Amino acid sequence: YLVRAASRADIRGVVRKSAPSAGL
């Protein structure tokens, strides 16, 4: 629900906190 709500807003992207350091 929150991911979709954020995705509709004016953001640059959505990234997982558990993403590898290089990707983050």
PDBML (XML) file of the C-alpha atoms, coordinates in Angstrom:
<?xml version="1.0" encoding="UTF-8" ?>
<PDBx:datablock datablockName="MODEL"
   xmlns:PDBx="http://pdbml.pdb.org/schema/pdbx-v50.xsd"
   xmlns:xsi="http://www.w3.org/2001/XMLSchema-instance"
   xsi:schemaLocation="http://pdbml.pdb.org/schema/pdbx-v50.xsd pdbx-v50.xsd">
   <PDBx:atom_siteCategory>
      <PDBx:atom_site id="1">
         <PDBx:B_iso_or_equiv>0.00</PDBx:B_iso_or_equiv>
         <PDBx:Cartn_x>0.000</PDBx:Cartn_x>
         <PDBx:Cartn_y>0.000</PDBx:Cartn_y>
         <PDBx:Cartn_z>0.000</PDBx:Cartn_z>
         <PDBx:auth_asym_id>A</PDBx:auth_asym_id>
         <PDBx:auth_atom_id>CA</PDBx:auth_atom_id>
         <PDBx:auth_comp_id>TYR</PDBx:auth_comp_id>
         <PDBx:auth_seq_id>1</PDBx:auth_seq_id>
         <PDBx:group_PDB>ATOM</PDBx:group_PDB>
         <PDBx:label_alt_id xsi:nil="true" />
         <PDBx:label_asym_id>A</PDBx:label_asym_id>
         <PDBx:label_atom_id>CA</PDBx:label_atom_id>
         <PDBx:label_comp_id>TYR</PDBx:label_comp_id>
         <PDBx:label_entity_id>1</PDBx:label_entity_id>
         <PDBx:label_seq_id>1</PDBx:label_seq_id>
         <PDBx:occupancy>1.00</PDBx:occupancy>
         <PDBx:pdbx_PDB_model_num>1</PDBx:pdbx_PDB_model_num>
         <PDBx:type_symbol>C</PDBx:type_symbol>
      </PDBx:atom_site>
      <PDBx:atom_site id="2">
         <PDBx:B_iso_or_equiv>0.00</PDBx:B_iso_or_equiv>
         <PDBx:Cartn_x>2.733</PDBx:Cartn_x>
         <PDBx:Cartn_y>2.475</PDBx:Cartn_y>
         <PDBx:Cartn_z>0.965</PDBx:Cartn_z>
         <PDBx:auth_asym_id>A</PDBx:auth_asym_id>
         <PDBx:auth_atom_id>CA</PDBx:auth_atom_id>
         <PDBx:auth_comp_id>LEU</PDBx:auth_comp_id>
         <PDBx:auth_seq_id>2</PDBx:auth_seq_id>
         <PDBx:group_PDB>ATOM</PDBx:group_PDB>
         <PDBx:label_alt_id xsi:nil="true" />
         <PDBx:label_asym_id>A</PDBx:label_asym_id>
         <PDBx:label_atom_id>CA</PDBx:label_atom_id>
         <PDBx:label_comp_id>LEU</PDBx:label_comp_id>
         <PDBx:label_entity_id>1</PDBx:label_entity_id>
         <PDBx:label_seq_id>2</PDBx:label_seq_id>
         <PDBx:occupancy>1.00</PDBx:occupancy>
         <PDBx:pdbx_PDB_model_num>1</PDBx:pdbx_PDB_model_num>
         <PDBx:type_symbol>C</PDBx:type_symbol>
      </PDBx:atom_site>
      <PDBx:atom_site id="3">
         <PDBx:B_iso_or_equiv>0.00</PDBx:B_iso_or_equiv>
         <PDBx:Cartn_x>5.047</PDBx:Cartn_x>
         <PDBx:Cartn_y>1.484</PDBx:Cartn_y>
         <PDBx:Cartn_z>-1.890</PDBx:Cartn_z>
         <PDBx:auth_asym_id>A</PDBx:auth_asym_id>
         <PDBx:auth_atom_id>CA</PDBx:auth_atom_id>
         <PDBx:auth_comp_id>VAL</PDBx:auth_comp_id>
         <PDBx:auth_seq_id>3</PDBx:auth_seq_id>
         <PDBx:group_PDB>ATOM</PDBx:group_PDB>
         <PDBx:label_alt_id xsi:nil="true" />
         <PDBx:label_asym_id>A</PDBx:label_asym_id>
         <PDBx:label_atom_id>CA</PDBx:label_atom_id>
         <PDBx:label_comp_id>VAL</PDBx:label_comp_id>
         <PDBx:label_entity_id>1</PDBx:label_entity_id>
         <PDBx:label_seq_id>3</PDBx:label_seq_id>
         <PDBx:occupancy>1.00</PDBx:occupancy>
         <PDBx:pdbx_PDB_model_num>1</PDBx:pdbx_PDB_model_num>
         <PDBx:type_symbol>C</PDBx:type_symbol>
      </PDBx:atom_site>
      <PDBx:atom_site id="4">
         <PDBx:B_iso_or_equiv>0.00</PDBx:B_iso_or_equiv>
         <PDBx:Cartn_x>2.274</PDBx:Cartn_x>
         <PDBx:Cartn_y>2.158</PDBx:Cartn_y>
         <PDBx:Cartn_z>-4.387</PDBx:Cartn_z>
         <PDBx:auth_asym_id>A</PDBx:auth_asym_id>
         <PDBx:auth_atom_id>CA</PDBx:auth_atom_id>
         <PDBx:auth_comp_id>ARG</PDBx:auth_comp_id>
         <PDBx:auth_seq_id>4</PDBx:auth_seq_id>
         <PDBx:group_PDB>ATOM</PDBx:group_PDB>
         <PDBx:label_alt_id xsi:nil="true" />
         <PDBx:label_asym_id>A</PDBx:label_asym_id>
         <PDBx:label_atom_id>CA</PDBx:label_atom_id>
         <PDBx:label_comp_id>ARG</PDBx:label_comp_id>
         <PDBx:label_entity_id>1</PDBx:label_entity_id>
         <PDBx:label_seq_id>4</PDBx:label_seq_id>
         <PDBx:occupancy>1.00</PDBx:occupancy>
         <PDBx:pdbx_PDB_model_num>1</PDBx:pdbx_PDB_model_num>
         <PDBx:type_symbol>C</PDBx:type_symbol>
      </PDBx:atom_site>
      <PDBx:atom_site id="5">
         <PDBx:B_iso_or_equiv>0.00</PDBx:B_iso_or_equiv>
         <PDBx:Cartn_x>1.348</PDBx:Cartn_x>
         <PDBx:Cartn_y>5.428</PDBx:Cartn_y>
         <PDBx:Cartn_z>-2.715</PDBx:Cartn_z>
         <PDBx:auth_asym_id>A</PDBx:auth_asym_id>
         <PDBx:auth_atom_id>CA</PDBx:auth_atom_id>
         <PDBx:auth_comp_id>ALA</PDBx:auth_comp_id>
         <PDBx:auth_seq_id>5</PDBx:auth_seq_id>
         <PDBx:group_PDB>ATOM</PDBx:group_PDB>
         <PDBx:label_alt_id xsi:nil="true" />
         <PDBx:label_asym_id>A</PDBx:label_asym_id>
         <PDBx:label_atom_id>CA</PDBx:label_atom_id>
         <PDBx:label_comp_id>ALA</PDBx:label_comp_id>
         <PDBx:label_entity_id>1</PDBx:label_entity_id>
         <PDBx:label_seq_id>5</PDBx:label_seq_id>
         <PDBx:occupancy>1.00</PDBx:occupancy>
         <PDBx:pdbx_PDB_model_num>1</PDBx:pdbx_PDB_model_num>
         <PDBx:type_symbol>C</PDBx:type_symbol>
      </PDBx:atom_site>
      <PDBx:atom_site id="6">
         <PDBx:B_iso_or_equiv>0.00</PDBx:B_iso_or_equiv>
         <PDBx:Cartn_x>4.952</PDBx:Cartn_x>
         <PDBx:Cartn_y>6.607</PDBx:Cartn_y>
         <PDBx:Cartn_z>-2.945</PDBx:Cartn_z>
         <PDBx:auth_asym_id>A</PDBx:auth_asym_id>
         <PDBx:auth_atom_id>CA</PDBx:auth_atom_id>
         <PDBx:auth_comp_id>ALA</PDBx:auth_comp_id>
         <PDBx:auth_seq_id>6</PDBx:auth_seq_id>
         <PDBx:group_PDB>ATOM</PDBx:group_PDB>
         <PDBx:label_alt_id xsi:nil="true" />
         <PDBx:label_asym_id>A</PDBx:label_asym_id>
         <PDBx:label_atom_id>CA</PDBx:label_atom_id>
         <PDBx:label_comp_id>ALA</PDBx:label_comp_id>
         <PDBx:label_entity_id>1</PDBx:label_entity_id>
         <PDBx:label_seq_id>6</PDBx:label_seq_id>
         <PDBx:occupancy>1.00</PDBx:occupancy>
         <PDBx:pdbx_PDB_model_num>1</PDBx:pdbx_PDB_model_num>
         <PDBx:type_symbol>C</PDBx:type_symbol>
      </PDBx:atom_site>
      <PDBx:atom_site id="7">
         <PDBx:B_iso_or_equiv>0.00</PDBx:B_iso_or_equiv>
         <PDBx:Cartn_x>5.258</PDBx:Cartn_x>
         <PDBx:Cartn_y>5.414</PDBx:Cartn_y>
         <PDBx:Cartn_z>-6.550</PDBx:Cartn_z>
         <PDBx:auth_asym_id>A</PDBx:auth_asym_id>
         <PDBx:auth_atom_id>CA</PDBx:auth_atom_id>
         <PDBx:auth_comp_id>SER</PDBx:auth_comp_id>
         <PDBx:auth_seq_id>7</PDBx:auth_seq_id>
         <PDBx:group_PDB>ATOM</PDBx:group_PDB>
         <PDBx:label_alt_id xsi:nil="true" />
         <PDBx:label_asym_id>A</PDBx:label_asym_id>
         <PDBx:label_atom_id>CA</PDBx:label_atom_id>
         <PDBx:label_comp_id>SER</PDBx:label_comp_id>
         <PDBx:label_entity_id>1</PDBx:label_entity_id>
         <PDBx:label_seq_id>7</PDBx:label_seq_id>
         <PDBx:occupancy>1.00</PDBx:occupancy>
         <PDBx:pdbx_PDB_model_num>1</PDBx:pdbx_PDB_model_num>
         <PDBx:type_symbol>C</PDBx:type_symbol>
      </PDBx:atom_site>
      <PDBx:atom_site id="8">
         <PDBx:B_iso_or_equiv>0.00</PDBx:B_iso_or_equiv>
         <PDBx:Cartn_x>2.427</PDBx:Cartn_x>
         <PDBx:Cartn_y>7.723</PDBx:Cartn_y>
         <PDBx:Cartn_z>-7.591</PDBx:Cartn_z>
         <PDBx:auth_asym_id>A</PDBx:auth_asym_id>
         <PDBx:auth_atom_id>CA</PDBx:auth_atom_id>
         <PDBx:auth_comp_id>ARG</PDBx:auth_comp_id>
         <PDBx:auth_seq_id>8</PDBx:auth_seq_id>
         <PDBx:group_PDB>ATOM</PDBx:group_PDB>
         <PDBx:label_alt_id xsi:nil="true" />
         <PDBx:label_asym_id>A</PDBx:label_asym_id>
         <PDBx:label_atom_id>CA</PDBx:label_atom_id>
         <PDBx:label_comp_id>ARG</PDBx:label_comp_id>
         <PDBx:label_entity_id>1</PDBx:label_entity_id>
         <PDBx:label_seq_id>8</PDBx:label_seq_id>
         <PDBx:occupancy>1.00</PDBx:occupancy>
         <PDBx:pdbx_PDB_model_num>1</PDBx:pdbx_PDB_model_num>
         <PDBx:type_symbol>C</PDBx:type_symbol>
      </PDBx:atom_site>
      <PDBx:atom_site id="9">
         <PDBx:B_iso_or_equiv>0.00</PDBx:B_iso_or_equiv>
         <PDBx:Cartn_x>4.260</PDBx:Cartn_x>
         <PDBx:Cartn_y>10.743</PDBx:Cartn_y>
         <PDBx:Cartn_z>-6.136</PDBx:Cartn_z>
         <PDBx:auth_asym_id>A</PDBx:auth_asym_id>
         <PDBx:auth_atom_id>CA</PDBx:auth_atom_id>
         <PDBx:auth_comp_id>ALA</PDBx:auth_comp_id>
         <PDBx:auth_seq_id>9</PDBx:auth_seq_id>
         <PDBx:group_PDB>ATOM</PDBx:group_PDB>
         <PDBx:label_alt_id xsi:nil="true" />
         <PDBx:label_asym_id>A</PDBx:label_asym_id>
         <PDBx:label_atom_id>CA</PDBx:label_atom_id>
         <PDBx:label_comp_id>ALA</PDBx:label_comp_id>
         <PDBx:label_entity_id>1</PDBx:label_entity_id>
         <PDBx:label_seq_id>9</PDBx:label_seq_id>
         <PDBx:occupancy>1.00</PDBx:occupancy>
         <PDBx:pdbx_PDB_model_num>1</PDBx:pdbx_PDB_model_num>
         <PDBx:type_symbol>C</PDBx:type_symbol>
      </PDBx:atom_site>
      <PDBx:atom_site id="10">
         <PDBx:B_iso_or_equiv>0.00</PDBx:B_iso_or_equiv>
         <PDBx:Cartn_x>7.039</PDBx:Cartn_x>
         <PDBx:Cartn_y>12.871</PDBx:Cartn_y>
         <PDBx:Cartn_z>-7.629</PDBx:Cartn_z>
         <PDBx:auth_asym_id>A</PDBx:auth_asym_id>
         <PDBx:auth_atom_id>CA</PDBx:auth_atom_id>
         <PDBx:auth_comp_id>ASP</PDBx:auth_comp_id>
         <PDBx:auth_seq_id>10</PDBx:auth_seq_id>
         <PDBx:group_PDB>ATOM</PDBx:group_PDB>
         <PDBx:label_alt_id xsi:nil="true" />
         <PDBx:label_asym_id>A</PDBx:label_asym_id>
         <PDBx:label_atom_id>CA</PDBx:label_atom_id>
         <PDBx:label_comp_id>ASP</PDBx:label_comp_id>
         <PDBx:label_entity_id>1</PDBx:label_entity_id>
         <PDBx:label_seq_id>10</PDBx:label_seq_id>
         <PDBx:occupancy>1.00</PDBx:occupancy>
         <PDBx:pdbx_PDB_model_num>1</PDBx:pdbx_PDB_model_num>
         <PDBx:type_symbol>C</PDBx:type_symbol>
      </PDBx:atom_site>
      <PDBx:atom_site id="11">
         <PDBx:B_iso_or_equiv>0.00</PDBx:B_iso_or_equiv>
         <PDBx:Cartn_x>9.992</PDBx:Cartn_x>
         <PDBx:Cartn_y>10.718</PDBx:Cartn_y>
         <PDBx:Cartn_z>-6.595</PDBx:Cartn_z>
         <PDBx:auth_asym_id>A</PDBx:auth_asym_id>
         <PDBx:auth_atom_id>CA</PDBx:auth_atom_id>
         <PDBx:auth_comp_id>ILE</PDBx:auth_comp_id>
         <PDBx:auth_seq_id>11</PDBx:auth_seq_id>
         <PDBx:group_PDB>ATOM</PDBx:group_PDB>
         <PDBx:label_alt_id xsi:nil="true" />
         <PDBx:label_asym_id>A</PDBx:label_asym_id>
         <PDBx:label_atom_id>CA</PDBx:label_atom_id>
         <PDBx:label_comp_id>ILE</PDBx:label_comp_id>
         <PDBx:label_entity_id>1</PDBx:label_entity_id>
         <PDBx:label_seq_id>11</PDBx:label_seq_id>
         <PDBx:occupancy>1.00</PDBx:occupancy>
         <PDBx:pdbx_PDB_model_num>1</PDBx:pdbx_PDB_model_num>
         <PDBx:type_symbol>C</PDBx:type_symbol>
      </PDBx:atom_site>
      <PDBx:atom_site id="12">
         <PDBx:B_iso_or_equiv>0.00</PDBx:B_iso_or_equiv>
         <PDBx:Cartn_x>13.230</PDBx:Cartn_x>
         <PDBx:Cartn_y>9.633</PDBx:Cartn_y>
         <PDBx:Cartn_z>-8.265</PDBx:Cartn_z>
         <PDBx:auth_asym_id>A</PDBx:auth_asym_id>
         <PDBx:auth_atom_id>CA</PDBx:auth_atom_id>
         <PDBx:auth_comp_id>ARG</PDBx:auth_comp_id>
         <PDBx:auth_seq_id>12</PDBx:auth_seq_id>
         <PDBx:group_PDB>ATOM</PDBx:group_PDB>
         <PDBx:label_alt_id xsi:nil="true" />
         <PDBx:label_asym_id>A</PDBx:label_asym_id>
         <PDBx:label_atom_id>CA</PDBx:label_atom_id>
         <PDBx:label_comp_id>ARG</PDBx:label_comp_id>
         <PDBx:label_entity_id>1</PDBx:label_entity_id>
         <PDBx:label_seq_id>12</PDBx:label_seq_id>
         <PDBx:occupancy>1.00</PDBx:occupancy>
         <PDBx:pdbx_PDB_model_num>1</PDBx:pdbx_PDB_model_num>
         <PDBx:type_symbol>C</PDBx:type_symbol>
      </PDBx:atom_site>
      <PDBx:atom_site id="13">
         <PDBx:B_iso_or_equiv>0.00</PDBx:B_iso_or_equiv>
         <PDBx:Cartn_x>12.755</PDBx:Cartn_x>
         <PDBx:Cartn_y>5.968</PDBx:Cartn_y>
         <PDBx:Cartn_z>-7.327</PDBx:Cartn_z>
         <PDBx:auth_asym_id>A</PDBx:auth_asym_id>
         <PDBx:auth_atom_id>CA</PDBx:auth_atom_id>
         <PDBx:auth_comp_id>GLY</PDBx:auth_comp_id>
         <PDBx:auth_seq_id>13</PDBx:auth_seq_id>
         <PDBx:group_PDB>ATOM</PDBx:group_PDB>
         <PDBx:label_alt_id xsi:nil="true" />
         <PDBx:label_asym_id>A</PDBx:label_asym_id>
         <PDBx:label_atom_id>CA</PDBx:label_atom_id>
         <PDBx:label_comp_id>GLY</PDBx:label_comp_id>
         <PDBx:label_entity_id>1</PDBx:label_entity_id>
         <PDBx:label_seq_id>13</PDBx:label_seq_id>
         <PDBx:occupancy>1.00</PDBx:occupancy>
         <PDBx:pdbx_PDB_model_num>1</PDBx:pdbx_PDB_model_num>
         <PDBx:type_symbol>C</PDBx:type_symbol>
      </PDBx:atom_site>
      <PDBx:atom_site id="14">
         <PDBx:B_iso_or_equiv>0.00</PDBx:B_iso_or_equiv>
         <PDBx:Cartn_x>12.195</PDBx:Cartn_x>
         <PDBx:Cartn_y>3.296</PDBx:Cartn_y>
         <PDBx:Cartn_z>-4.684</PDBx:Cartn_z>
         <PDBx:auth_asym_id>A</PDBx:auth_asym_id>
         <PDBx:auth_atom_id>CA</PDBx:auth_atom_id>
         <PDBx:auth_comp_id>VAL</PDBx:auth_comp_id>
         <PDBx:auth_seq_id>14</PDBx:auth_seq_id>
         <PDBx:group_PDB>ATOM</PDBx:group_PDB>
         <PDBx:label_alt_id xsi:nil="true" />
         <PDBx:label_asym_id>A</PDBx:label_asym_id>
         <PDBx:label_atom_id>CA</PDBx:label_atom_id>
         <PDBx:label_comp_id>VAL</PDBx:label_comp_id>
         <PDBx:label_entity_id>1</PDBx:label_entity_id>
         <PDBx:label_seq_id>14</PDBx:label_seq_id>
         <PDBx:occupancy>1.00</PDBx:occupancy>
         <PDBx:pdbx_PDB_model_num>1</PDBx:pdbx_PDB_model_num>
         <PDBx:type_symbol>C</PDBx:type_symbol>
      </PDBx:atom_site>
      <PDBx:atom_site id="15">
         <PDBx:B_iso_or_equiv>0.00</PDBx:B_iso_or_equiv>
         <PDBx:Cartn_x>15.144</PDBx:Cartn_x>
         <PDBx:Cartn_y>1.352</PDBx:Cartn_y>
         <PDBx:Cartn_z>-3.234</PDBx:Cartn_z>
         <PDBx:auth_asym_id>A</PDBx:auth_asym_id>
         <PDBx:auth_atom_id>CA</PDBx:auth_atom_id>
         <PDBx:auth_comp_id>VAL</PDBx:auth_comp_id>
         <PDBx:auth_seq_id>15</PDBx:auth_seq_id>
         <PDBx:group_PDB>ATOM</PDBx:group_PDB>
         <PDBx:label_alt_id xsi:nil="true" />
         <PDBx:label_asym_id>A</PDBx:label_asym_id>
         <PDBx:label_atom_id>CA</PDBx:label_atom_id>
         <PDBx:label_comp_id>VAL</PDBx:label_comp_id>
         <PDBx:label_entity_id>1</PDBx:label_entity_id>
         <PDBx:label_seq_id>15</PDBx:label_seq_id>
         <PDBx:occupancy>1.00</PDBx:occupancy>
         <PDBx:pdbx_PDB_model_num>1</PDBx:pdbx_PDB_model_num>
         <PDBx:type_symbol>C</PDBx:type_symbol>
      </PDBx:atom_site>
      <PDBx:atom_site id="16">
         <PDBx:B_iso_or_equiv>0.00</PDBx:B_iso_or_equiv>
         <PDBx:Cartn_x>15.228</PDBx:Cartn_x>
         <PDBx:Cartn_y>-1.426</PDBx:Cartn_y>
         <PDBx:Cartn_z>-0.665</PDBx:Cartn_z>
         <PDBx:auth_asym_id>A</PDBx:auth_asym_id>
         <PDBx:auth_atom_id>CA</PDBx:auth_atom_id>
         <PDBx:auth_comp_id>ARG</PDBx:auth_comp_id>
         <PDBx:auth_seq_id>16</PDBx:auth_seq_id>
         <PDBx:group_PDB>ATOM</PDBx:group_PDB>
         <PDBx:label_alt_id xsi:nil="true" />
         <PDBx:label_asym_id>A</PDBx:label_asym_id>
         <PDBx:label_atom_id>CA</PDBx:label_atom_id>
         <PDBx:label_comp_id>ARG</PDBx:label_comp_id>
         <PDBx:label_entity_id>1</PDBx:label_entity_id>
         <PDBx:label_seq_id>16</PDBx:label_seq_id>
         <PDBx:occupancy>1.00</PDBx:occupancy>
         <PDBx:pdbx_PDB_model_num>1</PDBx:pdbx_PDB_model_num>
         <PDBx:type_symbol>C</PDBx:type_symbol>
      </PDBx:atom_site>
      <PDBx:atom_site id="17">
         <PDBx:B_iso_or_equiv>0.00</PDBx:B_iso_or_equiv>
         <PDBx:Cartn_x>17.190</PDBx:Cartn_x>
         <PDBx:Cartn_y>-0.778</PDBx:Cartn_y>
         <PDBx:Cartn_z>2.504</PDBx:Cartn_z>
         <PDBx:auth_asym_id>A</PDBx:auth_asym_id>
         <PDBx:auth_atom_id>CA</PDBx:auth_atom_id>
         <PDBx:auth_comp_id>LYS</PDBx:auth_comp_id>
         <PDBx:auth_seq_id>17</PDBx:auth_seq_id>
         <PDBx:group_PDB>ATOM</PDBx:group_PDB>
         <PDBx:label_alt_id xsi:nil="true" />
         <PDBx:label_asym_id>A</PDBx:label_asym_id>
         <PDBx:label_atom_id>CA</PDBx:label_atom_id>
         <PDBx:label_comp_id>LYS</PDBx:label_comp_id>
         <PDBx:label_entity_id>1</PDBx:label_entity_id>
         <PDBx:label_seq_id>17</PDBx:label_seq_id>
         <PDBx:occupancy>1.00</PDBx:occupancy>
         <PDBx:pdbx_PDB_model_num>1</PDBx:pdbx_PDB_model_num>
         <PDBx:type_symbol>C</PDBx:type_symbol>
      </PDBx:atom_site>
      <PDBx:atom_site id="18">
         <PDBx:B_iso_or_equiv>0.00</PDBx:B_iso_or_equiv>
         <PDBx:Cartn_x>18.691</PDBx:Cartn_x>
         <PDBx:Cartn_y>-4.249</PDBx:Cartn_y>
         <PDBx:Cartn_z>2.094</PDBx:Cartn_z>
         <PDBx:auth_asym_id>A</PDBx:auth_asym_id>
         <PDBx:auth_atom_id>CA</PDBx:auth_atom_id>
         <PDBx:auth_comp_id>SER</PDBx:auth_comp_id>
         <PDBx:auth_seq_id>18</PDBx:auth_seq_id>
         <PDBx:group_PDB>ATOM</PDBx:group_PDB>
         <PDBx:label_alt_id xsi:nil="true" />
         <PDBx:label_asym_id>A</PDBx:label_asym_id>
         <PDBx:label_atom_id>CA</PDBx:label_atom_id>
         <PDBx:label_comp_id>SER</PDBx:label_comp_id>
         <PDBx:label_entity_id>1</PDBx:label_entity_id>
         <PDBx:label_seq_id>18</PDBx:label_seq_id>
         <PDBx:occupancy>1.00</PDBx:occupancy>
         <PDBx:pdbx_PDB_model_num>1</PDBx:pdbx_PDB_model_num>
         <PDBx:type_symbol>C</PDBx:type_symbol>
      </PDBx:atom_site>
      <PDBx:atom_site id="19">
         <PDBx:B_iso_or_equiv>0.00</PDBx:B_iso_or_equiv>
         <PDBx:Cartn_x>20.099</PDBx:Cartn_x>
         <PDBx:Cartn_y>-3.426</PDBx:Cartn_y>
         <PDBx:Cartn_z>-1.355</PDBx:Cartn_z>
         <PDBx:auth_asym_id>A</PDBx:auth_asym_id>
         <PDBx:auth_atom_id>CA</PDBx:auth_atom_id>
         <PDBx:auth_comp_id>ALA</PDBx:auth_comp_id>
         <PDBx:auth_seq_id>19</PDBx:auth_seq_id>
         <PDBx:group_PDB>ATOM</PDBx:group_PDB>
         <PDBx:label_alt_id xsi:nil="true" />
         <PDBx:label_asym_id>A</PDBx:label_asym_id>
         <PDBx:label_atom_id>CA</PDBx:label_atom_id>
         <PDBx:label_comp_id>ALA</PDBx:label_comp_id>
         <PDBx:label_entity_id>1</PDBx:label_entity_id>
         <PDBx:label_seq_id>19</PDBx:label_seq_id>
         <PDBx:occupancy>1.00</PDBx:occupancy>
         <PDBx:pdbx_PDB_model_num>1</PDBx:pdbx_PDB_model_num>
         <PDBx:type_symbol>C</PDBx:type_symbol>
      </PDBx:atom_site>
      <PDBx:atom_site id="20">
         <PDBx:B_iso_or_equiv>0.00</PDBx:B_iso_or_equiv>
         <PDBx:Cartn_x>23.841</PDBx:Cartn_x>
         <PDBx:Cartn_y>-4.057</PDBx:Cartn_y>
         <PDBx:Cartn_z>-1.869</PDBx:Cartn_z>
         <PDBx:auth_asym_id>A</PDBx:auth_asym_id>
         <PDBx:auth_atom_id>CA</PDBx:auth_atom_id>
         <PDBx:auth_comp_id>PRO</PDBx:auth_comp_id>
         <PDBx:auth_seq_id>20</PDBx:auth_seq_id>
         <PDBx:group_PDB>ATOM</PDBx:group_PDB>
         <PDBx:label_alt_id xsi:nil="true" />
         <PDBx:label_asym_id>A</PDBx:label_asym_id>
         <PDBx:label_atom_id>CA</PDBx:label_atom_id>
         <PDBx:label_comp_id>PRO</PDBx:label_comp_id>
         <PDBx:label_entity_id>1</PDBx:label_entity_id>
         <PDBx:label_seq_id>20</PDBx:label_seq_id>
         <PDBx:occupancy>1.00</PDBx:occupancy>
         <PDBx:pdbx_PDB_model_num>1</PDBx:pdbx_PDB_model_num>
         <PDBx:type_symbol>C</PDBx:type_symbol>
      </PDBx:atom_site>
      <PDBx:atom_site id="21">
         <PDBx:B_iso_or_equiv>0.00</PDBx:B_iso_or_equiv>
         <PDBx:Cartn_x>25.957</PDBx:Cartn_x>
         <PDBx:Cartn_y>-1.024</PDBx:Cartn_y>
         <PDBx:Cartn_z>-1.013</PDBx:Cartn_z>
         <PDBx:auth_asym_id>A</PDBx:auth_asym_id>
         <PDBx:auth_atom_id>CA</PDBx:auth_atom_id>
         <PDBx:auth_comp_id>SER</PDBx:auth_comp_id>
         <PDBx:auth_seq_id>21</PDBx:auth_seq_id>
         <PDBx:group_PDB>ATOM</PDBx:group_PDB>
         <PDBx:label_alt_id xsi:nil="true" />
         <PDBx:label_asym_id>A</PDBx:label_asym_id>
         <PDBx:label_atom_id>CA</PDBx:label_atom_id>
         <PDBx:label_comp_id>SER</PDBx:label_comp_id>
         <PDBx:label_entity_id>1</PDBx:label_entity_id>
         <PDBx:label_seq_id>21</PDBx:label_seq_id>
         <PDBx:occupancy>1.00</PDBx:occupancy>
         <PDBx:pdbx_PDB_model_num>1</PDBx:pdbx_PDB_model_num>
         <PDBx:type_symbol>C</PDBx:type_symbol>
      </PDBx:atom_site>
      <PDBx:atom_site id="22">
         <PDBx:B_iso_or_equiv>0.00</PDBx:B_iso_or_equiv>
         <PDBx:Cartn_x>27.131</PDBx:Cartn_x>
         <PDBx:Cartn_y>-0.519</PDBx:Cartn_y>
         <PDBx:Cartn_z>-4.590</PDBx:Cartn_z>
         <PDBx:auth_asym_id>A</PDBx:auth_asym_id>
         <PDBx:auth_atom_id>CA</PDBx:auth_atom_id>
         <PDBx:auth_comp_id>ALA</PDBx:auth_comp_id>
         <PDBx:auth_seq_id>22</PDBx:auth_seq_id>
         <PDBx:group_PDB>ATOM</PDBx:group_PDB>
         <PDBx:label_alt_id xsi:nil="true" />
         <PDBx:label_asym_id>A</PDBx:label_asym_id>
         <PDBx:label_atom_id>CA</PDBx:label_atom_id>
         <PDBx:label_comp_id>ALA</PDBx:label_comp_id>
         <PDBx:label_entity_id>1</PDBx:label_entity_id>
         <PDBx:label_seq_id>22</PDBx:label_seq_id>
         <PDBx:occupancy>1.00</PDBx:occupancy>
         <PDBx:pdbx_PDB_model_num>1</PDBx:pdbx_PDB_model_num>
         <PDBx:type_symbol>C</PDBx:type_symbol>
      </PDBx:atom_site>
      <PDBx:atom_site id="23">
         <PDBx:B_iso_or_equiv>0.00</PDBx:B_iso_or_equiv>
         <PDBx:Cartn_x>23.549</PDBx:Cartn_x>
         <PDBx:Cartn_y>-0.463</PDBx:Cartn_y>
         <PDBx:Cartn_z>-5.865</PDBx:Cartn_z>
         <PDBx:auth_asym_id>A</PDBx:auth_asym_id>
         <PDBx:auth_atom_id>CA</PDBx:auth_atom_id>
         <PDBx:auth_comp_id>GLY</PDBx:auth_comp_id>
         <PDBx:auth_seq_id>23</PDBx:auth_seq_id>
         <PDBx:group_PDB>ATOM</PDBx:group_PDB>
         <PDBx:label_alt_id xsi:nil="true" />
         <PDBx:label_asym_id>A</PDBx:label_asym_id>
         <PDBx:label_atom_id>CA</PDBx:label_atom_id>
         <PDBx:label_comp_id>GLY</PDBx:label_comp_id>
         <PDBx:label_entity_id>1</PDBx:label_entity_id>
         <PDBx:label_seq_id>23</PDBx:label_seq_id>
         <PDBx:occupancy>1.00</PDBx:occupancy>
         <PDBx:pdbx_PDB_model_num>1</PDBx:pdbx_PDB_model_num>
         <PDBx:type_symbol>C</PDBx:type_symbol>
      </PDBx:atom_site>
      <PDBx:atom_site id="24">
         <PDBx:B_iso_or_equiv>0.00</PDBx:B_iso_or_equiv>
         <PDBx:Cartn_x>22.400</PDBx:Cartn_x>
         <PDBx:Cartn_y>1.930</PDBx:Cartn_y>
         <PDBx:Cartn_z>-3.159</PDBx:Cartn_z>
         <PDBx:auth_asym_id>A</PDBx:auth_asym_id>
         <PDBx:auth_atom_id>CA</PDBx:auth_atom_id>
         <PDBx:auth_comp_id>LEU</PDBx:auth_comp_id>
         <PDBx:auth_seq_id>24</PDBx:auth_seq_id>
         <PDBx:group_PDB>ATOM</PDBx:group_PDB>
         <PDBx:label_alt_id xsi:nil="true" />
         <PDBx:label_asym_id>A</PDBx:label_asym_id>
         <PDBx:label_atom_id>CA</PDBx:label_atom_id>
         <PDBx:label_comp_id>LEU</PDBx:label_comp_id>
         <PDBx:label_entity_id>1</PDBx:label_entity_id>
         <PDBx:label_seq_id>24</PDBx:label_seq_id>
         <PDBx:occupancy>1.00</PDBx:occupancy>
         <PDBx:pdbx_PDB_model_num>1</PDBx:pdbx_PDB_model_num>
         <PDBx:type_symbol>C</PDBx:type_symbol>
      </PDBx:atom_site>
   </PDBx:atom_siteCategory>
</PDBx:datablock>
